[in-house]
Full PDB file with SEQRES, HELIX, SHEET, SSBOND, CRYST1, ORIGX, SCALE, CONECT and MASTER records, all heavy atoms in Angstrom:
SEQRES   1 A   40  ASP SER MET LEU PRO VAL ASN ARG PRO ARG PHE ASP TRP          
SEQRES   2 A   40  LEU GLY PHE GLU ALA ASN ARG VAL ALA ALA LYS GLN ALA          
SEQRES   3 A   40  TYR GLU GLN ALA GLY ILE ARG ASN PRO ARG LYS GLU LEU          
SEQRES   4 A   40  ASP                                                          
HELIX    1 AA1 PRO A    5  ASN A    7  5                                   3    
HELIX    2 AA2 GLU A   17  ALA A   30  1                                  14    
HELIX    3 AA3 PRO A   35  GLU A   38  1                                   4    
CRYST1    1.000    1.000    1.000  90.00  90.00  90.00 P 1           1          
ORIGX1      1.000000  0.000000  0.000000        0.00000                         
ORIGX2      0.000000  1.000000  0.000000        0.00000                         
ORIGX3      0.000000  0.000000  1.000000        0.00000                         
SCALE1      1.000000  0.000000  0.000000        0.00000                         
SCALE2      0.000000  1.000000  0.000000        0.00000                         
SCALE3      0.000000  0.000000  1.000000        0.00000                         
ATOM      1  N   ASP A   1       0.851  -1.188   0.000  1.00  0.00           N  
ATOM      2  CA  ASP A   1       0.000   0.000   0.000  1.00  0.00           C  
ATOM      3  C   ASP A   1       0.890   1.242   0.000  1.00  0.00           C  
ATOM      4  O   ASP A   1       2.117   1.152   0.118  1.00  0.00           O  
ATOM      5  CB  ASP A   1      -0.910  -0.016   1.237  1.00  0.00           C  
ATOM      6  CG  ASP A   1      -2.201   0.754   1.027  1.00  0.00           C  
ATOM      7  OD1 ASP A   1      -2.249   1.593   0.099  1.00  0.00           O  
ATOM      8  OD2 ASP A   1      -3.157   0.528   1.783  1.00  0.00           O  
ATOM      9  N   SER A   2       0.283   2.411  -0.093  1.00  0.00           N  
ATOM     10  CA  SER A   2       1.033   3.663   0.013  1.00  0.00           C  
ATOM     11  C   SER A   2       1.723   3.736   1.370  1.00  0.00           C  
ATOM     12  O   SER A   2       1.185   3.303   2.388  1.00  0.00           O  
ATOM     13  CB  SER A   2       0.081   4.846  -0.148  1.00  0.00           C  
ATOM     14  OG  SER A   2       0.740   6.058   0.158  1.00  0.00           O  
ATOM     15  N   MET A   3       2.923   4.301   1.396  1.00  0.00           N  
ATOM     16  CA  MET A   3       3.677   4.350   2.642  1.00  0.00           C  
ATOM     17  C   MET A   3       2.979   5.190   3.704  1.00  0.00           C  
ATOM     18  O   MET A   3       2.898   4.810   4.862  1.00  0.00           O  
ATOM     19  CB  MET A   3       5.086   4.897   2.404  1.00  0.00           C  
ATOM     20  CG  MET A   3       5.902   5.033   3.680  1.00  0.00           C  
ATOM     21  SD  MET A   3       7.614   5.465   3.387  1.00  0.00           S  
ATOM     22  CE  MET A   3       8.256   3.896   2.817  1.00  0.00           C  
ATOM     23  N   LEU A   4       2.455   6.345   3.313  1.00  0.00           N  
ATOM     24  CA  LEU A   4       1.866   7.250   4.298  1.00  0.00           C  
ATOM     25  C   LEU A   4       0.378   6.977   4.477  1.00  0.00           C  
ATOM     26  O   LEU A   4      -0.371   6.942   3.496  1.00  0.00           O  
ATOM     27  CB  LEU A   4       2.059   8.700   3.865  1.00  0.00           C  
ATOM     28  CG  LEU A   4       3.500   9.190   3.772  1.00  0.00           C  
ATOM     29  CD1 LEU A   4       3.521  10.645   3.312  1.00  0.00           C  
ATOM     30  CD2 LEU A   4       4.217   9.055   5.092  1.00  0.00           C  
ATOM     31  N   PRO A   5      -0.075   6.797   5.707  1.00  0.00           N  
ATOM     32  CA  PRO A   5      -1.514   6.602   5.936  1.00  0.00           C  
ATOM     33  C   PRO A   5      -2.373   7.719   5.360  1.00  0.00           C  
ATOM     34  O   PRO A   5      -3.504   7.476   4.938  1.00  0.00           O  
ATOM     35  CB  PRO A   5      -1.618   6.559   7.473  1.00  0.00           C  
ATOM     36  CG  PRO A   5      -0.285   6.091   7.921  1.00  0.00           C  
ATOM     37  CD  PRO A   5       0.698   6.678   6.946  1.00  0.00           C  
ATOM     38  N   VAL A   6      -1.844   8.943   5.327  1.00  0.00           N  
ATOM     39  CA  VAL A   6      -2.639  10.062   4.800  1.00  0.00           C  
ATOM     40  C   VAL A   6      -2.900   9.916   3.307  1.00  0.00           C  
ATOM     41  O   VAL A   6      -3.782  10.580   2.759  1.00  0.00           O  
ATOM     42  CB  VAL A   6      -1.928  11.413   5.060  1.00  0.00           C  
ATOM     43  CG1 VAL A   6      -1.865  11.699   6.541  1.00  0.00           C  
ATOM     44  CG2 VAL A   6      -0.533  11.443   4.443  1.00  0.00           C  
ATOM     45  N   ASN A   7      -2.141   9.037   2.620  1.00  0.00           N  
ATOM     46  CA  ASN A   7      -2.343   8.820   1.190  1.00  0.00           C  
ATOM     47  C   ASN A   7      -3.147   7.565   0.897  1.00  0.00           C  
ATOM     48  O   ASN A   7      -3.211   7.133  -0.251  1.00  0.00           O  
ATOM     49  CB  ASN A   7      -0.988   8.726   0.478  1.00  0.00           C  
ATOM     50  CG  ASN A   7      -0.250  10.049   0.467  1.00  0.00           C  
ATOM     51  OD1 ASN A   7      -0.867  11.107   0.555  1.00  0.00           O  
ATOM     52  ND2 ASN A   7       1.070  10.004   0.369  1.00  0.00           N  
ATOM     53  N   ARG A   8      -3.737   6.970   1.926  1.00  0.00           N  
ATOM     54  CA  ARG A   8      -4.566   5.784   1.732  1.00  0.00           C  
ATOM     55  C   ARG A   8      -6.036   6.195   1.876  1.00  0.00           C  
ATOM     56  O   ARG A   8      -6.477   6.553   2.973  1.00  0.00           O  
ATOM     57  CB  ARG A   8      -4.237   4.711   2.768  1.00  0.00           C  
ATOM     58  CG  ARG A   8      -2.787   4.286   2.771  1.00  0.00           C  
ATOM     59  CD  ARG A   8      -2.516   3.254   3.854  1.00  0.00           C  
ATOM     60  NE  ARG A   8      -1.096   3.160   4.147  1.00  0.00           N  
ATOM     61  CZ  ARG A   8      -0.572   2.451   5.127  1.00  0.00           C  
ATOM     62  NH1 ARG A   8      -1.362   1.750   5.926  1.00  0.00           N  
ATOM     63  NH2 ARG A   8       0.729   2.430   5.333  1.00  0.00           N  
ATOM     64  N   PRO A   9      -6.807   6.155   0.809  1.00  0.00           N  
ATOM     65  CA  PRO A   9      -8.224   6.555   0.904  1.00  0.00           C  
ATOM     66  C   PRO A   9      -8.968   5.762   1.972  1.00  0.00           C  
ATOM     67  O   PRO A   9      -8.848   4.544   2.045  1.00  0.00           O  
ATOM     68  CB  PRO A   9      -8.765   6.248  -0.498  1.00  0.00           C  
ATOM     69  CG  PRO A   9      -7.562   6.273  -1.381  1.00  0.00           C  
ATOM     70  CD  PRO A   9      -6.431   5.743  -0.548  1.00  0.00           C  
ATOM     71  N   ARG A  10      -9.685   6.464   2.802  1.00  0.00           N  
ATOM     72  CA  ARG A  10     -10.559   5.870   3.823  1.00  0.00           C  
ATOM     73  C   ARG A  10      -9.804   5.054   4.870  1.00  0.00           C  
ATOM     74  O   ARG A  10     -10.377   4.191   5.524  1.00  0.00           O  
ATOM     75  CB  ARG A  10     -11.649   5.009   3.164  1.00  0.00           C  
ATOM     76  CG  ARG A  10     -12.571   5.785   2.256  1.00  0.00           C  
ATOM     77  CD  ARG A  10     -13.570   4.892   1.543  1.00  0.00           C  
ATOM     78  NE  ARG A  10     -12.906   3.906   0.699  1.00  0.00           N  
ATOM     79  CZ  ARG A  10     -12.422   4.162  -0.518  1.00  0.00           C  
ATOM     80  NH1 ARG A  10     -12.524   5.368  -1.023  1.00  0.00           N  
ATOM     81  NH2 ARG A  10     -11.843   3.225  -1.219  1.00  0.00           N  
ATOM     82  N   PHE A  11      -8.506   5.302   5.041  1.00  0.00           N  
ATOM     83  CA  PHE A  11      -7.773   4.589   6.093  1.00  0.00           C  
ATOM     84  C   PHE A  11      -8.329   4.998   7.449  1.00  0.00           C  
ATOM     85  O   PHE A  11      -8.435   6.196   7.758  1.00  0.00           O  
ATOM     86  CB  PHE A  11      -6.279   4.921   6.005  1.00  0.00           C  
ATOM     87  CG  PHE A  11      -5.448   4.185   7.035  1.00  0.00           C  
ATOM     88  CD1 PHE A  11      -5.301   2.810   6.967  1.00  0.00           C  
ATOM     89  CD2 PHE A  11      -4.839   4.863   8.071  1.00  0.00           C  
ATOM     90  CE1 PHE A  11      -4.546   2.128   7.899  1.00  0.00           C  
ATOM     91  CE2 PHE A  11      -4.076   4.188   9.011  1.00  0.00           C  
ATOM     92  CZ  PHE A  11      -3.934   2.824   8.928  1.00  0.00           C  
ATOM     93  N   ASP A  12      -8.702   4.013   8.279  1.00  0.00           N  
ATOM     94  CA  ASP A  12      -9.433   4.306   9.518  1.00  0.00           C  
ATOM     95  C   ASP A  12      -8.695   3.891  10.786  1.00  0.00           C  
ATOM     96  O   ASP A  12      -9.240   3.967  11.878  1.00  0.00           O  
ATOM     97  CB  ASP A  12     -10.816   3.644   9.493  1.00  0.00           C  
ATOM     98  CG  ASP A  12     -10.736   2.129   9.279  1.00  0.00           C  
ATOM     99  OD1 ASP A  12      -9.624   1.566   9.328  1.00  0.00           O  
ATOM    100  OD2 ASP A  12     -11.800   1.516   9.067  1.00  0.00           O  
ATOM    101  N   TRP A  13      -7.442   3.417  10.674  1.00  0.00           N  
ATOM    102  CA  TRP A  13      -6.671   2.964  11.833  1.00  0.00           C  
ATOM    103  C   TRP A  13      -7.334   1.797  12.558  1.00  0.00           C  
ATOM    104  O   TRP A  13      -7.122   1.575  13.738  1.00  0.00           O  
ATOM    105  CB  TRP A  13      -6.401   4.108  12.818  1.00  0.00           C  
ATOM    106  CG  TRP A  13      -5.404   5.090  12.303  1.00  0.00           C  
ATOM    107  CD1 TRP A  13      -5.679   6.284  11.694  1.00  0.00           C  
ATOM    108  CD2 TRP A  13      -3.981   4.976  12.319  1.00  0.00           C  
ATOM    109  NE1 TRP A  13      -4.512   6.906  11.311  1.00  0.00           N  
ATOM    110  CE2 TRP A  13      -3.451   6.139  11.692  1.00  0.00           C  
ATOM    111  CE3 TRP A  13      -3.098   4.002  12.794  1.00  0.00           C  
ATOM    112  CZ2 TRP A  13      -2.091   6.342  11.539  1.00  0.00           C  
ATOM    113  CZ3 TRP A  13      -1.741   4.219  12.638  1.00  0.00           C  
ATOM    114  CH2 TRP A  13      -1.243   5.378  12.024  1.00  0.00           C  
ATOM    115  N   LEU A  14      -8.135   1.022  11.832  1.00  0.00           N  
ATOM    116  CA  LEU A  14      -8.751  -0.179  12.412  1.00  0.00           C  
ATOM    117  C   LEU A  14      -8.172  -1.459  11.828  1.00  0.00           C  
ATOM    118  O   LEU A  14      -8.399  -2.542  12.353  1.00  0.00           O  
ATOM    119  CB  LEU A  14     -10.270  -0.158  12.202  1.00  0.00           C  
ATOM    120  CG  LEU A  14     -11.051   0.887  13.008  1.00  0.00           C  
ATOM    121  CD1 LEU A  14     -12.515   0.886  12.589  1.00  0.00           C  
ATOM    122  CD2 LEU A  14     -10.928   0.604  14.501  1.00  0.00           C  
ATOM    123  N   GLY A  15      -7.445  -1.346  10.737  1.00  0.00           N  
ATOM    124  CA  GLY A  15      -6.865  -2.511  10.091  1.00  0.00           C  
ATOM    125  C   GLY A  15      -6.073  -2.068   8.887  1.00  0.00           C  
ATOM    126  O   GLY A  15      -5.996  -0.880   8.573  1.00  0.00           O  
ATOM    127  N   PHE A  16      -5.480  -3.047   8.188  1.00  0.00           N  
ATOM    128  CA  PHE A  16      -4.603  -2.730   7.068  1.00  0.00           C  
ATOM    129  C   PHE A  16      -5.056  -3.469   5.826  1.00  0.00           C  
ATOM    130  O   PHE A  16      -5.153  -4.702   5.813  1.00  0.00           O  
ATOM    131  CB  PHE A  16      -3.162  -3.094   7.412  1.00  0.00           C  
ATOM    132  CG  PHE A  16      -2.628  -2.333   8.588  1.00  0.00           C  
ATOM    133  CD1 PHE A  16      -2.566  -2.929   9.837  1.00  0.00           C  
ATOM    134  CD2 PHE A  16      -2.226  -1.015   8.452  1.00  0.00           C  
ATOM    135  CE1 PHE A  16      -2.098  -2.230  10.931  1.00  0.00           C  
ATOM    136  CE2 PHE A  16      -1.755  -0.300   9.547  1.00  0.00           C  
ATOM    137  CZ  PHE A  16      -1.688  -0.906  10.786  1.00  0.00           C  
ATOM    138  N   GLU A  17      -5.313  -2.694   4.771  1.00  0.00           N  
ATOM    139  CA  GLU A  17      -5.787  -3.296   3.535  1.00  0.00           C  
ATOM    140  C   GLU A  17      -4.752  -4.254   2.951  1.00  0.00           C  
ATOM    141  O   GLU A  17      -5.104  -5.262   2.339  1.00  0.00           O  
ATOM    142  CB  GLU A  17      -6.138  -2.213   2.520  1.00  0.00           C  
ATOM    143  CG  GLU A  17      -6.851  -2.750   1.298  1.00  0.00           C  
ATOM    144  CD  GLU A  17      -7.402  -1.659   0.396  1.00  0.00           C  
ATOM    145  OE1 GLU A  17      -7.064  -0.473   0.609  1.00  0.00           O  
ATOM    146  OE2 GLU A  17      -8.169  -1.994  -0.529  1.00  0.00           O  
ATOM    147  N   ALA A  18      -3.474  -3.958   3.149  1.00  0.00           N  
ATOM    148  CA  ALA A  18      -2.433  -4.864   2.644  1.00  0.00           C  
ATOM    149  C   ALA A  18      -2.596  -6.256   3.237  1.00  0.00           C  
ATOM    150  O   ALA A  18      -2.411  -7.265   2.537  1.00  0.00           O  
ATOM    151  CB  ALA A  18      -1.052  -4.307   2.961  1.00  0.00           C  
ATOM    152  N   ASN A  19      -2.930  -6.346   4.518  1.00  0.00           N  
ATOM    153  CA  ASN A  19      -3.208  -7.650   5.140  1.00  0.00           C  
ATOM    154  C   ASN A  19      -4.341  -8.364   4.422  1.00  0.00           C  
ATOM    155  O   ASN A  19      -4.254  -9.548   4.082  1.00  0.00           O  
ATOM    156  CB  ASN A  19      -3.616  -7.466   6.603  1.00  0.00           C  
ATOM    157  CG  ASN A  19      -2.452  -7.337   7.556  1.00  0.00           C  
ATOM    158  OD1 ASN A  19      -1.343  -7.741   7.251  1.00  0.00           O  
ATOM    159  ND2 ASN A  19      -2.708  -6.792   8.731  1.00  0.00           N  
ATOM    160  N   ARG A  20      -5.416  -7.631   4.217  1.00  0.00           N  
ATOM    161  CA  ARG A  20      -6.619  -8.240   3.650  1.00  0.00           C  
ATOM    162  C   ARG A  20      -6.393  -8.688   2.202  1.00  0.00           C  
ATOM    163  O   ARG A  20      -6.853  -9.757   1.789  1.00  0.00           O  
ATOM    164  CB  ARG A  20      -7.783  -7.253   3.743  1.00  0.00           C  
ATOM    165  CG  ARG A  20      -8.166  -6.896   5.174  1.00  0.00           C  
ATOM    166  CD  ARG A  20      -9.439  -6.077   5.250  1.00  0.00           C  
ATOM    167  NE  ARG A  20      -9.251  -4.706   4.826  1.00  0.00           N  
ATOM    168  CZ  ARG A  20      -8.904  -3.696   5.627  1.00  0.00           C  
ATOM    169  NH1 ARG A  20      -8.671  -3.919   6.917  1.00  0.00           N  
ATOM    170  NH2 ARG A  20      -8.804  -2.474   5.153  1.00  0.00           N  
ATOM    171  N   VAL A  21      -5.677  -7.881   1.430  1.00  0.00           N  
ATOM    172  CA  VAL A  21      -5.436  -8.216   0.025  1.00  0.00           C  
ATOM    173  C   VAL A  21      -4.480  -9.402  -0.094  1.00  0.00           C  
ATOM    174  O   VAL A  21      -4.709 -10.325  -0.891  1.00  0.00           O  
ATOM    175  CB  VAL A  21      -4.890  -6.989  -0.727  1.00  0.00           C  
ATOM    176  CG1 VAL A  21      -4.442  -7.387  -2.136  1.00  0.00           C  
ATOM    177  CG2 VAL A  21      -5.949  -5.895  -0.799  1.00  0.00           C  
ATOM    178  N   ALA A  22      -3.393  -9.393   0.691  1.00  0.00           N  
ATOM    179  CA  ALA A  22      -2.442 -10.516   0.648  1.00  0.00           C  
ATOM    180  C   ALA A  22      -3.131 -11.813   1.044  1.00  0.00           C  
ATOM    181  O   ALA A  22      -2.902 -12.869   0.431  1.00  0.00           O  
ATOM    182  CB  ALA A  22      -1.253 -10.239   1.564  1.00  0.00           C  
ATOM    183  N   ALA A  23      -3.973 -11.753   2.074  1.00  0.00           N  
ATOM    184  CA  ALA A  23      -4.703 -12.945   2.504  1.00  0.00           C  
ATOM    185  C   ALA A  23      -5.659 -13.428   1.421  1.00  0.00           C  
ATOM    186  O   ALA A  23      -5.756 -14.635   1.146  1.00  0.00           O  
ATOM    187  CB  ALA A  23      -5.466 -12.652   3.791  1.00  0.00           C  
ATOM    188  N   LYS A  24      -6.346 -12.504   0.788  1.00  0.00           N  
ATOM    189  CA  LYS A  24      -7.288 -12.866  -0.279  1.00  0.00           C  
ATOM    190  C   LYS A  24      -6.561 -13.587  -1.417  1.00  0.00           C  
ATOM    191  O   LYS A  24      -7.050 -14.594  -1.948  1.00  0.00           O  
ATOM    192  CB  LYS A  24      -7.989 -11.612  -0.800  1.00  0.00           C  
ATOM    193  CG  LYS A  24      -9.062 -11.868  -1.864  1.00  0.00           C  
ATOM    194  CD  LYS A  24      -9.796 -10.563  -2.193  1.00  0.00           C  
ATOM    195  CE  LYS A  24     -10.950 -10.819  -3.170  1.00  0.00           C  
ATOM    196  NZ  LYS A  24     -10.449 -11.151  -4.532  1.00  0.00           N  
ATOM    197  N   GLN A  25      -5.391 -13.076  -1.793  1.00  0.00           N  
ATOM    198  CA  GLN A  25      -4.615 -13.716  -2.854  1.00  0.00           C  
ATOM    199  C   GLN A  25      -4.259 -15.163  -2.471  1.00  0.00           C  
ATOM    200  O   GLN A  25      -4.434 -16.092  -3.266  1.00  0.00           O  
ATOM    201  CB  GLN A  25      -3.343 -12.926  -3.114  1.00  0.00           C  
ATOM    202  CG  GLN A  25      -3.555 -11.544  -3.712  1.00  0.00           C  
ATOM    203  CD  GLN A  25      -2.263 -10.725  -3.726  1.00  0.00           C  
ATOM    204  OE1 GLN A  25      -1.207 -11.195  -3.306  1.00  0.00           O  
ATOM    205  NE2 GLN A  25      -2.346  -9.491  -4.215  1.00  0.00           N  
ATOM    206  N   ALA A  26      -3.737 -15.327  -1.261  1.00  0.00           N  
ATOM    207  CA  ALA A  26      -3.308 -16.661  -0.827  1.00  0.00           C  
ATOM    208  C   ALA A  26      -4.497 -17.607  -0.661  1.00  0.00           C  
ATOM    209  O   ALA A  26      -4.420 -18.786  -1.038  1.00  0.00           O  
ATOM    210  CB  ALA A  26      -2.530 -16.550   0.477  1.00  0.00           C  
ATOM    211  N   TYR A  27      -5.591 -17.109  -0.072  1.00  0.00           N  
ATOM    212  CA  TYR A  27      -6.761 -17.950   0.141  1.00  0.00           C  
ATOM    213  C   TYR A  27      -7.346 -18.426  -1.190  1.00  0.00           C  
ATOM    214  O   TYR A  27      -7.763 -19.586  -1.321  1.00  0.00           O  
ATOM    215  CB  TYR A  27      -7.838 -17.184   0.916  1.00  0.00           C  
ATOM    216  CG  TYR A  27      -7.504 -16.885   2.358  1.00  0.00           C  
ATOM    217  CD1 TYR A  27      -8.167 -15.865   3.045  1.00  0.00           C  
ATOM    218  CD2 TYR A  27      -6.530 -17.604   3.043  1.00  0.00           C  
ATOM    219  CE1 TYR A  27      -7.878 -15.588   4.371  1.00  0.00           C  
ATOM    220  CE2 TYR A  27      -6.226 -17.323   4.362  1.00  0.00           C  
ATOM    221  CZ  TYR A  27      -6.910 -16.303   5.029  1.00  0.00           C  
ATOM    222  OH  TYR A  27      -6.616 -16.029   6.340  1.00  0.00           O  
ATOM    223  N   GLU A  28      -7.412 -17.550  -2.181  1.00  0.00           N  
ATOM    224  CA  GLU A  28      -7.981 -17.942  -3.473  1.00  0.00           C  
ATOM    225  C   GLU A  28      -7.141 -19.021  -4.127  1.00  0.00           C  
ATOM    226  O   GLU A  28      -7.677 -19.982  -4.700  1.00  0.00           O  
ATOM    227  CB  GLU A  28      -8.092 -16.707  -4.380  1.00  0.00           C  
ATOM    228  CG  GLU A  28      -9.220 -15.764  -3.983  1.00  0.00           C  
ATOM    229  CD  GLU A  28      -9.340 -14.583  -4.916  1.00  0.00           C  
ATOM    230  OE1 GLU A  28      -8.460 -14.412  -5.803  1.00  0.00           O  
ATOM    231  OE2 GLU A  28     -10.319 -13.809  -4.772  1.00  0.00           O  
ATOM    232  N   GLN A  29      -5.814 -18.889  -4.058  1.00  0.00           N  
ATOM    233  CA  GLN A  29      -4.949 -19.911  -4.646  1.00  0.00           C  
ATOM    234  C   GLN A  29      -5.098 -21.254  -3.927  1.00  0.00           C  
ATOM    235  O   GLN A  29      -5.098 -22.316  -4.557  1.00  0.00           O  
ATOM    236  CB  GLN A  29      -3.494 -19.455  -4.585  1.00  0.00           C  
ATOM    237  CG  GLN A  29      -3.172 -18.248  -5.454  1.00  0.00           C  
ATOM    238  CD  GLN A  29      -1.787 -17.707  -5.173  1.00  0.00           C  
ATOM    239  OE1 GLN A  29      -0.839 -18.470  -5.041  1.00  0.00           O  
ATOM    240  NE2 GLN A  29      -1.667 -16.390  -5.090  1.00  0.00           N  
ATOM    241  N   ALA A  30      -5.220 -21.193  -2.607  1.00  0.00           N  
ATOM    242  CA  ALA A  30      -5.304 -22.415  -1.804  1.00  0.00           C  
ATOM    243  C   ALA A  30      -6.709 -22.998  -1.757  1.00  0.00           C  
ATOM    244  O   ALA A  30      -6.895 -24.118  -1.277  1.00  0.00           O  
ATOM    245  CB  ALA A  30      -4.826 -22.127  -0.384  1.00  0.00           C  
ATOM    246  N   GLY A  31      -7.695 -22.230  -2.237  1.00  0.00           N  
ATOM    247  CA  GLY A  31      -9.083 -22.694  -2.187  1.00  0.00           C  
ATOM    248  C   GLY A  31      -9.684 -22.615  -0.800  1.00  0.00           C  
ATOM    249  O   GLY A  31     -10.596 -23.381  -0.458  1.00  0.00           O  
ATOM    250  N   ILE A  32      -9.223 -21.677   0.007  1.00  0.00           N  
ATOM    251  CA  ILE A  32      -9.727 -21.522   1.377  1.00  0.00           C  
ATOM    252  C   ILE A  32     -10.845 -20.479   1.397  1.00  0.00           C  
ATOM    253  O   ILE A  32     -10.661 -19.342   0.955  1.00  0.00           O  
ATOM    254  CB  ILE A  32      -8.587 -21.101   2.328  1.00  0.00           C  
ATOM    255  CG1 ILE A  32      -7.617 -22.265   2.514  1.00  0.00           C  
ATOM    256  CG2 ILE A  32      -9.130 -20.638   3.683  1.00  0.00           C  
ATOM    257  CD1 ILE A  32      -6.422 -21.940   3.371  1.00  0.00           C  
ATOM    258  N   ARG A  33     -11.981 -20.862   1.934  1.00  0.00           N  
ATOM    259  CA  ARG A  33     -13.128 -19.956   2.028  1.00  0.00           C  
ATOM    260  C   ARG A  33     -13.420 -19.548   3.460  1.00  0.00           C  
ATOM    261  O   ARG A  33     -13.972 -18.479   3.704  1.00  0.00           O  
ATOM    262  CB  ARG A  33     -14.362 -20.627   1.409  1.00  0.00           C  
ATOM    263  CG  ARG A  33     -14.206 -20.878  -0.088  1.00  0.00           C  
ATOM    264  CD  ARG A  33     -15.410 -21.585  -0.675  1.00  0.00           C  
ATOM    265  NE  ARG A  33     -15.259 -21.785  -2.113  1.00  0.00           N  
ATOM    266  CZ  ARG A  33     -16.080 -22.513  -2.856  1.00  0.00           C  
ATOM    267  NH1 ARG A  33     -17.120 -23.127  -2.284  1.00  0.00           N  
ATOM    268  NH2 ARG A  33     -15.876 -22.636  -4.155  1.00  0.00           N  
ATOM    269  N   ASN A  34     -13.078 -20.407   4.400  1.00  0.00           N  
ATOM    270  CA  ASN A  34     -13.317 -20.094   5.818  1.00  0.00           C  
ATOM    271  C   ASN A  34     -12.034 -20.373   6.593  1.00  0.00           C  
ATOM    272  O   ASN A  34     -11.846 -21.473   7.100  1.00  0.00           O  
ATOM    273  CB  ASN A  34     -14.471 -20.933   6.363  1.00  0.00           C  
ATOM    274  CG  ASN A  34     -14.886 -20.509   7.762  1.00  0.00           C  
ATOM    275  OD1 ASN A  34     -14.085 -19.989   8.544  1.00  0.00           O  
ATOM    276  ND2 ASN A  34     -16.148 -20.726   8.104  1.00  0.00           N  
ATOM    277  N   PRO A  35     -11.136 -19.377   6.674  1.00  0.00           N  
ATOM    278  CA  PRO A  35      -9.833 -19.637   7.304  1.00  0.00           C  
ATOM    279  C   PRO A  35      -9.934 -20.091   8.751  1.00  0.00           C  
ATOM    280  O   PRO A  35      -9.133 -20.911   9.202  1.00  0.00           O  
ATOM    281  CB  PRO A  35      -9.100 -18.294   7.177  1.00  0.00           C  
ATOM    282  CG  PRO A  35     -10.173 -17.284   6.892  1.00  0.00           C  
ATOM    283  CD  PRO A  35     -11.243 -18.004   6.169  1.00  0.00           C  
ATOM    284  N   ARG A  36     -10.902 -19.593   9.483  1.00  0.00           N  
ATOM    285  CA  ARG A  36     -11.052 -19.982  10.893  1.00  0.00           C  
ATOM    286  C   ARG A  36     -11.293 -21.478  11.030  1.00  0.00           C  
ATOM    287  O   ARG A  36     -10.761 -22.129  11.934  1.00  0.00           O  
ATOM    288  CB  ARG A  36     -12.209 -19.185  11.513  1.00  0.00           C  
ATOM    289  CG  ARG A  36     -12.646 -19.600  12.912  1.00  0.00           C  
ATOM    290  CD  ARG A  36     -11.635 -19.189  13.992  1.00  0.00           C  
ATOM    291  NE  ARG A  36     -12.215 -19.380  15.308  1.00  0.00           N  
ATOM    292  CZ  ARG A  36     -12.854 -18.443  15.999  1.00  0.00           C  
ATOM    293  NH1 ARG A  36     -13.003 -17.225  15.492  1.00  0.00           N  
ATOM    294  NH2 ARG A  36     -13.345 -18.690  17.192  1.00  0.00           N  
ATOM    295  N   LYS A  37     -12.065 -22.046  10.114  1.00  0.00           N  
ATOM    296  CA  LYS A  37     -12.386 -23.469  10.195  1.00  0.00           C  
ATOM    297  C   LYS A  37     -11.410 -24.350   9.441  1.00  0.00           C  
ATOM    298  O   LYS A  37     -11.175 -25.503   9.832  1.00  0.00           O  
ATOM    299  CB  LYS A  37     -13.811 -23.703   9.671  1.00  0.00           C  
ATOM    300  CG  LYS A  37     -14.900 -23.149  10.579  1.00  0.00           C  
ATOM    301  CD  LYS A  37     -16.280 -23.536  10.078  1.00  0.00           C  
ATOM    302  CE  LYS A  37     -17.367 -23.057  11.035  1.00  0.00           C  
ATOM    303  NZ  LYS A  37     -18.732 -23.436  10.563  1.00  0.00           N  
ATOM    304  N   GLU A  38     -10.831 -23.823   8.360  1.00  0.00           N  
ATOM    305  CA  GLU A  38     -10.004 -24.669   7.504  1.00  0.00           C  
ATOM    306  C   GLU A  38      -8.536 -24.705   7.913  1.00  0.00           C  
ATOM    307  O   GLU A  38      -7.855 -25.708   7.691  1.00  0.00           O  
ATOM    308  CB  GLU A  38     -10.135 -24.215   6.056  1.00  0.00           C  
ATOM    309  CG  GLU A  38     -11.536 -24.411   5.483  1.00  0.00           C  
ATOM    310  CD  GLU A  38     -11.648 -23.905   4.056  1.00  0.00           C  
ATOM    311  OE1 GLU A  38     -10.966 -24.459   3.186  1.00  0.00           O  
ATOM    312  OE2 GLU A  38     -12.418 -22.945   3.829  1.00  0.00           O  
ATOM    313  N   LEU A  39      -8.042 -23.626   8.497  1.00  0.00           N  
ATOM    314  CA  LEU A  39      -6.649 -23.612   8.942  1.00  0.00           C  
ATOM    315  C   LEU A  39      -6.522 -24.311  10.298  1.00  0.00           C  
ATOM    316  O   LEU A  39      -7.418 -24.235  11.139  1.00  0.00           O  
ATOM    317  CB  LEU A  39      -6.145 -22.169   9.067  1.00  0.00           C  
ATOM    318  CG  LEU A  39      -5.988 -21.383   7.766  1.00  0.00           C  
ATOM    319  CD1 LEU A  39      -5.686 -19.924   8.078  1.00  0.00           C  
ATOM    320  CD2 LEU A  39      -4.902 -21.984   6.885  1.00  0.00           C  
ATOM    321  N   ASP A  40      -5.390 -24.952  10.499  1.00  0.00           N  
ATOM    322  CA  ASP A  40      -5.126 -25.652  11.760  1.00  0.00           C  
ATOM    323  C   ASP A  40      -4.082 -24.942  12.613  1.00  0.00           C  
ATOM    324  O   ASP A  40      -3.972 -25.223  13.810  1.00  0.00           O  
ATOM    325  CB  ASP A  40      -4.655 -27.081  11.471  1.00  0.00           C  
ATOM    326  CG  ASP A  40      -5.689 -27.875  10.702  1.00  0.00           C  
ATOM    327  OD1 ASP A  40      -6.805 -28.044  11.215  1.00  0.00           O  
ATOM    328  OD2 ASP A  40      -5.382 -28.312   9.570  1.00  0.00           O  
TER     329      ASP A  40                                                      
MASTER        0    0    0    3    0    0    0    6  328    1    0    4          
END                                                                             
């Protein structure tokens, strides 16, 4: 993501979009739909 939080649209200091996007990429490749139940 952009280095500065002020340059991230709608950044709310509640989480990080980079986390969510990286996870989405990995989950789609692995075929994971419910990480809480499928991951050990």
